[in-house]
Structure formats: C-alpha cells, structure tokens
Amino acid sequence: MLRSEKAFVVVVGSLSPGQQLAQSTHAAMLLAAKDPTSARLSLVMLSTKSVGDLEELCARLELDGYSISRWREPDLGDALTAAAFVAVAPRLTRGLPLALG
C-alpha cells in the first residue's frame, strides 16, 4: 500500500474545544493559501500539551525540512496556537493525540 501526503494541523490542546477548532481552521487556511494543493488532501488534526511543545515540534519539523504554516492568535497575545504542514507520515508526530479527542 502506498502512503500519500496528508495535511497535518497541530493545535495547543489546552485551549477550549471551540478555540482548538478556530485555531486549527486558521492554520489550515494559512497552509491552503501558501500551498493550494494542500486543500485537497486528507486532514489530520493533532494536539500538543502546551505552546512550548508546539514551538518545539515546529522547530524540529523545520530541521527535518518541512515547511510550517504557523498561526499566532492576536487575541491571545500573538501566542502560537496552531501549525500546519504537508507530509506523508512525520515521525515527530507519532504519539500526539488527536485534537478535540
């Protein structure tokens, strides 16, 4: 079975469910604006425990060569709340829980 690329969105899981949904949507839209083909991919929504964990994940993914679309929420002091990228099966996301799970 061939693996295919997916669009991944990772959101800070400590946000309320409504905030997770909104922040994930912002990050996915940012990715789609940057890479229109990503809008046709299956979407995987994951979460991290904290902003720091999300920042660390983004930095590690970039070191692995991924292009990350970061969403910083103005209403939350411009904190990084969600990030999106395209990948096949990034090892760095293994073990992350599904968002809103």
Protein backbone atom coordinates (compact mmCIF):
# COMPACT_ATOMS: atom_id res chain seq x y z
CA MET A 1 0.00 0.00 0.00
CA LEU A 2 1.41 3.38 -1.00
CA ARG A 3 1.36 6.16 1.53
CA SER A 4 0.08 9.50 0.38
CA GLU A 5 0.65 13.00 1.65
CA LYS A 6 -1.74 14.47 4.18
CA ALA A 7 -2.22 17.93 5.60
CA PHE A 8 -1.40 17.96 9.31
CA VAL A 9 -2.67 20.56 11.74
CA VAL A 10 -1.32 20.58 15.28
CA VAL A 11 -3.09 22.73 17.87
CA VAL A 12 -2.43 23.52 21.51
CA GLY A 13 -4.62 21.04 23.36
CA SER A 14 -5.01 23.16 26.50
CA LEU A 15 -7.27 25.55 24.57
CA SER A 16 -11.03 25.11 24.86
CA PRO A 17 -12.64 22.91 22.19
CA GLY A 18 -14.02 25.98 20.42
CA GLN A 19 -10.63 27.68 20.44
CA GLN A 20 -8.95 24.49 19.16
CA LEU A 21 -11.40 24.38 16.26
CA ALA A 22 -10.91 28.05 15.39
CA GLN A 23 -7.11 27.96 15.70
CA SER A 24 -6.87 24.75 13.66
CA THR A 25 -9.02 26.29 10.95
CA HIS A 26 -6.80 29.39 10.84
CA ALA A 27 -3.67 27.25 10.44
CA ALA A 28 -5.28 25.07 7.74
CA MET A 29 -6.41 28.15 5.81
CA LEU A 30 -2.93 29.65 6.07
CA LEU A 31 -1.45 26.43 4.69
CA ALA A 32 -4.00 26.34 1.84
CA ALA A 33 -3.17 29.94 0.91
CA LYS A 34 0.53 29.08 0.81
CA ASP A 35 0.06 25.69 -0.89
CA PRO A 36 -3.33 25.46 -2.67
CA THR A 37 -2.91 21.75 -3.40
CA SER A 38 -2.97 21.06 0.35
CA ALA A 39 -6.68 21.94 0.44
CA ARG A 40 -7.44 18.68 -1.42
CA LEU A 41 -5.50 16.44 0.98
CA SER A 42 -6.88 14.41 3.87
CA LEU A 43 -6.60 16.42 7.07
CA VAL A 44 -5.11 15.04 10.29
CA MET A 45 -5.71 17.15 13.41
CA LEU A 46 -3.39 16.53 16.37
CA SER A 47 -2.66 18.37 19.59
CA THR A 48 0.22 19.20 21.90
CA LYS A 49 0.00 19.84 25.63
CA SER A 50 1.37 23.39 25.53
CA VAL A 51 2.51 26.30 23.39
CA GLY A 52 6.11 25.37 24.25
CA ASP A 53 5.57 21.83 22.98
CA LEU A 54 4.10 23.18 19.74
CA GLU A 55 7.01 25.59 19.27
CA GLU A 56 9.49 22.76 19.83
CA LEU A 57 7.65 20.48 17.40
CA CYS A 58 7.67 23.18 14.71
CA ALA A 59 11.39 23.78 15.16
CA ARG A 60 12.16 20.06 14.93
CA LEU A 61 9.94 19.64 11.85
CA GLU A 62 11.72 22.54 10.14
CA LEU A 63 15.07 20.92 10.91
CA ASP A 64 13.71 17.84 9.12
CA GLY A 65 12.91 20.03 6.08
CA TYR A 66 9.18 20.62 6.48
CA SER A 67 7.63 23.97 5.61
CA ILE A 68 5.40 25.02 8.52
CA SER A 69 2.47 27.44 8.43
CA ARG A 70 2.21 28.88 11.94
CA TRP A 71 -0.88 30.62 13.29
CA ARG A 72 -0.36 33.18 16.05
CA GLU A 73 -3.57 34.39 17.67
CA PRO A 74 -3.76 38.18 18.15
CA ASP A 75 -6.44 37.80 20.85
CA LEU A 76 -4.09 35.57 22.87
CA GLY A 77 -1.07 37.88 22.87
CA ASP A 78 0.15 36.61 19.49
CA ALA A 79 0.83 33.19 21.02
CA LEU A 80 1.48 30.31 18.66
CA THR A 81 -1.73 28.29 18.85
CA ALA A 82 -1.65 26.05 15.77
CA ALA A 83 0.60 24.99 12.91
CA ALA A 84 0.01 23.16 9.65
CA PHE A 85 2.20 21.31 7.17
CA VAL A 86 2.09 18.65 4.46
CA ALA A 87 3.76 15.29 5.00
CA VAL A 88 3.47 11.56 4.43
CA ALA A 89 3.99 10.27 7.98
CA PRO A 90 6.24 12.51 10.04
CA ARG A 91 7.90 10.53 12.82
CA LEU A 92 7.83 13.58 15.09
CA THR A 93 4.04 13.49 15.33
CA ARG A 94 3.88 9.86 16.47
CA GLY A 95 2.29 9.71 19.87
CA LEU A 96 0.48 13.03 19.62
CA PRO A 97 -3.21 12.69 20.47
CA LEU A 98 -5.95 13.66 18.07
CA ALA A 99 -7.23 17.20 18.60
CA LEU A 100 -10.55 17.51 20.39
CA GLY A 101 -10.14 13.88 21.50
